[in-house]
Amino acid sequence: MPTVPISKFEHRVARWAKLLKKTRQPLEIYQHGRSYIVVLDQQTFQERQRDRERLQALEIKLLVDAGE
């Protein structure tokens, strides 16, 4: 996962956005030498959201099945 200081990210947001969309890899942004945020492209974010929802539905089903 590429990393970049927040100051460089701020000055080149459009460039980083293009890179994120092209590579679909998360970009870790750090501030004061520490990880600050991670940025994802929209498609990757949506896929992860769907995966999380599927996992939650499966967990609920397993709990219901175990209670029967």
PDB file of N, CA and C in Angstrom:
ATOM      1  N   MET A   1       0.850  -1.165   0.000  1.00  0.00           N
ATOM      2  CA  MET A   1       0.000   0.000   0.000  1.00  0.00           C
ATOM      3  C   MET A   1       0.903   1.237   0.000  1.00  0.00           C
ATOM      4  N   PRO A   2       0.735   2.096  -0.998  1.00  0.00           N
ATOM      5  CA  PRO A   2       1.538   3.321  -1.024  1.00  0.00           C
ATOM      6  C   PRO A   2       1.197   4.228   0.156  1.00  0.00           C
ATOM      7  N   THR A   3       2.185   4.980   0.605  1.00  0.00           N
ATOM      8  CA  THR A   3       1.969   5.954   1.673  1.00  0.00           C
ATOM      9  C   THR A   3       2.435   7.321   1.197  1.00  0.00           C
ATOM     10  N   VAL A   4       1.806   8.359   1.740  1.00  0.00           N
ATOM     11  CA  VAL A   4       2.142   9.723   1.343  1.00  0.00           C
ATOM     12  C   VAL A   4       1.851  10.657   2.519  1.00  0.00           C
ATOM     13  N   PRO A   5       2.689  11.672   2.726  1.00  0.00           N
ATOM     14  CA  PRO A   5       2.374  12.654   3.760  1.00  0.00           C
ATOM     15  C   PRO A   5       1.142  13.456   3.361  1.00  0.00           C
ATOM     16  N   ILE A   6       0.390  13.889   4.342  1.00  0.00           N
ATOM     17  CA  ILE A   6      -0.842  14.623   4.068  1.00  0.00           C
ATOM     18  C   ILE A   6      -0.574  15.895   3.261  1.00  0.00           C
ATOM     19  N   SER A   7       0.555  16.545   3.477  1.00  0.00           N
ATOM     20  CA  SER A   7       0.856  17.780   2.734  1.00  0.00           C
ATOM     21  C   SER A   7       0.980  17.500   1.235  1.00  0.00           C
ATOM     22  N   LYS A   8       1.616  16.388   0.872  1.00  0.00           N
ATOM     23  CA  LYS A   8       1.727  16.032  -0.549  1.00  0.00           C
ATOM     24  C   LYS A   8       0.369  15.615  -1.117  1.00  0.00           C
ATOM     25  N   PHE A   9      -0.425  14.932  -0.309  1.00  0.00           N
ATOM     26  CA  PHE A   9      -1.754  14.528  -0.761  1.00  0.00           C
ATOM     27  C   PHE A   9      -2.613  15.760  -1.043  1.00  0.00           C
ATOM     28  N   GLU A  10      -2.574  16.725  -0.155  1.00  0.00           N
ATOM     29  CA  GLU A  10      -3.387  17.944  -0.306  1.00  0.00           C
ATOM     30  C   GLU A  10      -3.059  18.685  -1.599  1.00  0.00           C
ATOM     31  N   HIS A  11      -1.799  18.719  -1.957  1.00  0.00           N
ATOM     32  CA  HIS A  11      -1.378  19.484  -3.125  1.00  0.00           C
ATOM     33  C   HIS A  11      -1.594  18.758  -4.448  1.00  0.00           C
ATOM     34  N   ARG A  12      -1.833  17.458  -4.373  1.00  0.00           N
ATOM     35  CA  ARG A  12      -1.977  16.674  -5.606  1.00  0.00           C
ATOM     36  C   ARG A  12      -3.163  15.716  -5.541  1.00  0.00           C
ATOM     37  N   VAL A  13      -4.274  16.173  -5.007  1.00  0.00           N
ATOM     38  CA  VAL A  13      -5.431  15.300  -4.819  1.00  0.00           C
ATOM     39  C   VAL A  13      -5.877  14.674  -6.137  1.00  0.00           C
ATOM     40  N   ALA A  14      -5.972  15.443  -7.188  1.00  0.00           N
ATOM     41  CA  ALA A  14      -6.436  14.917  -8.480  1.00  0.00           C
ATOM     42  C   ALA A  14      -5.510  13.803  -8.969  1.00  0.00           C
ATOM     43  N   ARG A  15      -4.219  14.001  -8.815  1.00  0.00           N
ATOM     44  CA  ARG A  15      -3.251  12.983  -9.245  1.00  0.00           C
ATOM     45  C   ARG A  15      -3.432  11.691  -8.447  1.00  0.00           C
ATOM     46  N   TRP A  16      -3.582  11.832  -7.133  1.00  0.00           N
ATOM     47  CA  TRP A  16      -3.760  10.657  -6.286  1.00  0.00           C
ATOM     48  C   TRP A  16      -5.087   9.963  -6.596  1.00  0.00           C
ATOM     49  N   ALA A  17      -6.117  10.745  -6.877  1.00  0.00           N
ATOM     50  CA  ALA A  17      -7.421  10.160  -7.215  1.00  0.00           C
ATOM     51  C   ALA A  17      -7.316   9.307  -8.480  1.00  0.00           C
ATOM     52  N   LYS A  18      -6.613   9.809  -9.480  1.00  0.00           N
ATOM     53  CA  LYS A  18      -6.422   9.033 -10.710  1.00  0.00           C
ATOM     54  C   LYS A  18      -5.664   7.741 -10.423  1.00  0.00           C
ATOM     55  N   LEU A  19      -4.632   7.839  -9.615  1.00  0.00           N
ATOM     56  CA  LEU A  19      -3.835   6.660  -9.268  1.00  0.00           C
ATOM     57  C   LEU A  19      -4.687   5.632  -8.520  1.00  0.00           C
ATOM     58  N   LEU A  20      -5.492   6.099  -7.572  1.00  0.00           N
ATOM     59  CA  LEU A  20      -6.352   5.190  -6.818  1.00  0.00           C
ATOM     60  C   LEU A  20      -7.333   4.471  -7.730  1.00  0.00           C
ATOM     61  N   LYS A  21      -7.925   5.218  -8.648  1.00  0.00           N
ATOM     62  CA  LYS A  21      -8.893   4.616  -9.564  1.00  0.00           C
ATOM     63  C   LYS A  21      -8.211   3.599 -10.479  1.00  0.00           C
ATOM     64  N   LYS A  22      -7.004   3.919 -10.922  1.00  0.00           N
ATOM     65  CA  LYS A  22      -6.274   3.036 -11.837  1.00  0.00           C
ATOM     66  C   LYS A  22      -5.793   1.766 -11.131  1.00  0.00           C
ATOM     67  N   THR A  23      -5.169   1.915  -9.983  1.00  0.00           N
ATOM     68  CA  THR A  23      -4.548   0.772  -9.303  1.00  0.00           C
ATOM     69  C   THR A  23      -5.497   0.029  -8.378  1.00  0.00           C
ATOM     70  N   ARG A  24      -6.547   0.714  -7.903  1.00  0.00           N
ATOM     71  CA  ARG A  24      -7.512   0.169  -6.951  1.00  0.00           C
ATOM     72  C   ARG A  24      -6.834  -0.299  -5.664  1.00  0.00           C
ATOM     73  N   GLN A  25      -5.670   0.271  -5.365  1.00  0.00           N
ATOM     74  CA  GLN A  25      -4.989  -0.025  -4.113  1.00  0.00           C
ATOM     75  C   GLN A  25      -5.246   1.110  -3.135  1.00  0.00           C
ATOM     76  N   PRO A  26      -5.403   0.798  -1.854  1.00  0.00           N
ATOM     77  CA  PRO A  26      -5.585   1.854  -0.859  1.00  0.00           C
ATOM     78  C   PRO A  26      -4.349   2.751  -0.788  1.00  0.00           C
ATOM     79  N   LEU A  27      -4.565   3.979  -0.398  1.00  0.00           N
ATOM     80  CA  LEU A  27      -3.476   4.935  -0.204  1.00  0.00           C
ATOM     81  C   LEU A  27      -3.482   5.352   1.259  1.00  0.00           C
ATOM     82  N   GLU A  28      -2.385   5.104   1.942  1.00  0.00           N
ATOM     83  CA  GLU A  28      -2.267   5.473   3.351  1.00  0.00           C
ATOM     84  C   GLU A  28      -1.663   6.870   3.446  1.00  0.00           C
ATOM     85  N   ILE A  29      -2.346   7.732   4.151  1.00  0.00           N
ATOM     86  CA  ILE A  29      -1.878   9.106   4.332  1.00  0.00           C
ATOM     87  C   ILE A  29      -1.445   9.265   5.781  1.00  0.00           C
ATOM     88  N   TYR A  30      -0.275   9.837   5.941  1.00  0.00           N
ATOM     89  CA  TYR A  30       0.202  10.000   7.308  1.00  0.00           C
ATOM     90  C   TYR A  30       0.456  11.469   7.636  1.00  0.00           C
ATOM     91  N   GLN A  31       0.458  11.751   8.930  1.00  0.00           N
ATOM     92  CA  GLN A  31       0.679  13.105   9.422  1.00  0.00           C
ATOM     93  C   GLN A  31       1.547  13.004  10.668  1.00  0.00           C
ATOM     94  N   HIS A  32       2.549  13.830  10.741  1.00  0.00           N
ATOM     95  CA  HIS A  32       3.492  13.818  11.866  1.00  0.00           C
ATOM     96  C   HIS A  32       4.102  12.430  12.069  1.00  0.00           C
ATOM     97  N   GLY A  33       4.379  11.743  10.953  1.00  0.00           N
ATOM     98  CA  GLY A  33       5.035  10.451  11.018  1.00  0.00           C
ATOM     99  C   GLY A  33       4.141   9.290  11.420  1.00  0.00           C
ATOM    100  N   ARG A  34       2.838   9.534  11.551  1.00  0.00           N
ATOM    101  CA  ARG A  34       1.916   8.475  11.963  1.00  0.00           C
ATOM    102  C   ARG A  34       0.808   8.314  10.939  1.00  0.00           C
ATOM    103  N   SER A  35       0.337   7.078  10.798  1.00  0.00           N
ATOM    104  CA  SER A  35      -0.775   6.812   9.897  1.00  0.00           C
ATOM    105  C   SER A  35      -1.974   7.656  10.334  1.00  0.00           C
ATOM    106  N   TYR A  36      -2.612   8.317   9.377  1.00  0.00           N
ATOM    107  CA  TYR A  36      -3.699   9.248   9.675  1.00  0.00           C
ATOM    108  C   TYR A  36      -5.026   8.746   9.097  1.00  0.00           C
ATOM    109  N   ILE A  37      -5.057   8.462   7.792  1.00  0.00           N
ATOM    110  CA  ILE A  37      -6.246   7.921   7.141  1.00  0.00           C
ATOM    111  C   ILE A  37      -5.824   7.014   5.994  1.00  0.00           C
ATOM    112  N   VAL A  38      -6.766   6.202   5.534  1.00  0.00           N
ATOM    113  CA  VAL A  38      -6.563   5.380   4.343  1.00  0.00           C
ATOM    114  C   VAL A  38      -7.668   5.741   3.359  1.00  0.00           C
ATOM    115  N   VAL A  39      -7.300   5.979   2.114  1.00  0.00           N
ATOM    116  CA  VAL A  39      -8.243   6.390   1.085  1.00  0.00           C
ATOM    117  C   VAL A  39      -8.410   5.240   0.084  1.00  0.00           C
ATOM    118  N   LEU A  40      -9.667   4.978  -0.284  1.00  0.00           N
ATOM    119  CA  LEU A  40      -9.979   3.929  -1.254  1.00  0.00           C
ATOM    120  C   LEU A  40     -10.704   4.539  -2.441  1.00  0.00           C
ATOM    121  N   ASP A  41     -10.597   3.881  -3.591  1.00  0.00           N
ATOM    122  CA  ASP A  41     -11.412   4.299  -4.726  1.00  0.00           C
ATOM    123  C   ASP A  41     -12.843   3.829  -4.474  1.00  0.00           C
ATOM    124  N   GLN A  42     -13.802   4.416  -5.171  1.00  0.00           N
ATOM    125  CA  GLN A  42     -15.213   4.151  -4.935  1.00  0.00           C
ATOM    126  C   GLN A  42     -15.582   2.687  -5.147  1.00  0.00           C
ATOM    127  N   GLN A  43     -15.082   2.083  -6.209  1.00  0.00           N
ATOM    128  CA  GLN A  43     -15.425   0.693  -6.503  1.00  0.00           C
ATOM    129  C   GLN A  43     -14.941  -0.247  -5.401  1.00  0.00           C
ATOM    130  N   THR A  44     -13.720  -0.062  -4.945  1.00  0.00           N
ATOM    131  CA  THR A  44     -13.180  -0.889  -3.868  1.00  0.00           C
ATOM    132  C   THR A  44     -13.979  -0.684  -2.590  1.00  0.00           C
ATOM    133  N   PHE A  45     -14.307   0.561  -2.283  1.00  0.00           N
ATOM    134  CA  PHE A  45     -15.102   0.857  -1.093  1.00  0.00           C
ATOM    135  C   PHE A  45     -16.449   0.135  -1.147  1.00  0.00           C
ATOM    136  N   GLN A  46     -17.144   0.229  -2.291  1.00  0.00           N
ATOM    137  CA  GLN A  46     -18.444  -0.426  -2.427  1.00  0.00           C
ATOM    138  C   GLN A  46     -18.326  -1.941  -2.300  1.00  0.00           C
ATOM    139  N   GLU A  47     -17.288  -2.519  -2.889  1.00  0.00           N
ATOM    140  CA  GLU A  47     -17.080  -3.958  -2.771  1.00  0.00           C
ATOM    141  C   GLU A  47     -16.870  -4.362  -1.318  1.00  0.00           C
ATOM    142  N   ARG A  48     -16.098  -3.589  -0.601  1.00  0.00           N
ATOM    143  CA  ARG A  48     -15.851  -3.900   0.811  1.00  0.00           C
ATOM    144  C   ARG A  48     -17.119  -3.740   1.640  1.00  0.00           C
ATOM    145  N   GLN A  49     -17.931  -2.746   1.302  1.00  0.00           N
ATOM    146  CA  GLN A  49     -19.209  -2.564   1.993  1.00  0.00           C
ATOM    147  C   GLN A  49     -20.110  -3.774   1.761  1.00  0.00           C
ATOM    148  N   ARG A  50     -20.210  -4.239   0.513  1.00  0.00           N
ATOM    149  CA  ARG A  50     -21.028  -5.411   0.196  1.00  0.00           C
ATOM    150  C   ARG A  50     -20.520  -6.649   0.932  1.00  0.00           C
ATOM    151  N   ASP A  51     -19.195  -6.821   0.961  1.00  0.00           N
ATOM    152  CA  ASP A  51     -18.614  -7.962   1.670  1.00  0.00           C
ATOM    153  C   ASP A  51     -18.959  -7.906   3.158  1.00  0.00           C
ATOM    154  N   ARG A  52     -18.877  -6.713   3.741  1.00  0.00           N
ATOM    155  CA  ARG A  52     -19.194  -6.543   5.161  1.00  0.00           C
ATOM    156  C   ARG A  52     -20.672  -6.868   5.426  1.00  0.00           C
ATOM    157  N   GLU A  53     -21.559  -6.409   4.530  1.00  0.00           N
ATOM    158  CA  GLU A  53     -22.988  -6.690   4.692  1.00  0.00           C
ATOM    159  C   GLU A  53     -23.270  -8.188   4.567  1.00  0.00           C
ATOM    160  N   ARG A  54     -22.604  -8.851   3.610  1.00  0.00           N
ATOM    161  CA  ARG A  54     -22.785 -10.303   3.456  1.00  0.00           C
ATOM    162  C   ARG A  54     -22.309 -11.049   4.698  1.00  0.00           C
ATOM    163  N   LEU A  55     -21.180 -10.630   5.237  1.00  0.00           N
ATOM    164  CA  LEU A  55     -20.646 -11.262   6.433  1.00  0.00           C
ATOM    165  C   LEU A  55     -21.597 -11.078   7.612  1.00  0.00           C
ATOM    166  N   GLN A  56     -22.156  -9.884   7.767  1.00  0.00           N
ATOM    167  CA  GLN A  56     -23.107  -9.644   8.856  1.00  0.00           C
ATOM    168  C   GLN A  56     -24.349 -10.509   8.693  1.00  0.00           C
ATOM    169  N   ALA A  57     -24.852 -10.633   7.464  1.00  0.00           N
ATOM    170  CA  ALA A  57     -26.023 -11.470   7.213  1.00  0.00           C
ATOM    171  C   ALA A  57     -25.715 -12.931   7.536  1.00  0.00           C
ATOM    172  N   LEU A  58     -24.536 -13.391   7.168  1.00  0.00           N
ATOM    173  CA  LEU A  58     -24.137 -14.763   7.468  1.00  0.00           C
ATOM    174  C   LEU A  58     -24.028 -14.982   8.976  1.00  0.00           C
ATOM    175  N   GLU A  59     -23.453 -14.027   9.682  1.00  0.00           N
ATOM    176  CA  GLU A  59     -23.336 -14.142  11.141  1.00  0.00           C
ATOM    177  C   GLU A  59     -24.714 -14.226  11.785  1.00  0.00           C
ATOM    178  N   ILE A  60     -25.645 -13.409  11.318  1.00  0.00           N
ATOM    179  CA  ILE A  60     -27.002 -13.440  11.861  1.00  0.00           C
ATOM    180  C   ILE A  60     -27.646 -14.787  11.584  1.00  0.00           C
ATOM    181  N   LYS A  61     -27.476 -15.293  10.365  1.00  0.00           N
ATOM    182  CA  LYS A  61     -28.047 -16.601  10.009  1.00  0.00           C
ATOM    183  C   LYS A  61     -27.460 -17.691  10.901  1.00  0.00           C
ATOM    184  N   LEU A  62     -26.163 -17.667  11.131  1.00  0.00           N
ATOM    185  CA  LEU A  62     -25.538 -18.671  11.978  1.00  0.00           C
ATOM    186  C   LEU A  62     -26.068 -18.600  13.409  1.00  0.00           C
ATOM    187  N   LEU A  63     -26.274 -17.394  13.908  1.00  0.00           N
ATOM    188  CA  LEU A  63     -26.820 -17.234  15.265  1.00  0.00           C
ATOM    189  C   LEU A  63     -28.254 -17.746  15.340  1.00  0.00           C
ATOM    190  N   VAL A  64     -29.043 -17.448  14.322  1.00  0.00           N
ATOM    191  CA  VAL A  64     -30.428 -17.926  14.293  1.00  0.00           C
ATOM    192  C   VAL A  64     -30.458 -19.447  14.199  1.00  0.00           C
ATOM    193  N   ASP A  65     -29.639 -20.002  13.317  1.00  0.00           N
ATOM    194  CA  ASP A  65     -29.583 -21.460  13.160  1.00  0.00           C
ATOM    195  C   ASP A  65     -29.131 -22.145  14.457  1.00  0.00           C
ATOM    196  N   ALA A  66     -28.204 -21.539  15.165  1.00  0.00           N
ATOM    197  CA  ALA A  66     -27.717 -22.108  16.407  1.00  0.00           C
ATOM    198  C   ALA A  66     -28.793 -22.059  17.493  1.00  0.00           C
ATOM    199  N   GLY A  67     -29.681 -21.081  17.416  1.00  0.00           N
ATOM    200  CA  GLY A  67     -30.749 -20.946  18.409  1.00  0.00           C
ATOM    201  C   GLY A  67     -31.916 -21.881  18.173  1.00  0.00           C
ATOM    202  N   GLU A  68     -31.972 -22.506  17.016  1.00  0.00           N
ATOM    203  CA  GLU A  68     -33.113 -23.402  16.711  1.00  0.00           C
ATOM    204  C   GLU A  68     -32.954 -24.733  17.362  1.00  0.00           C
TER     205      GLU A  68
END
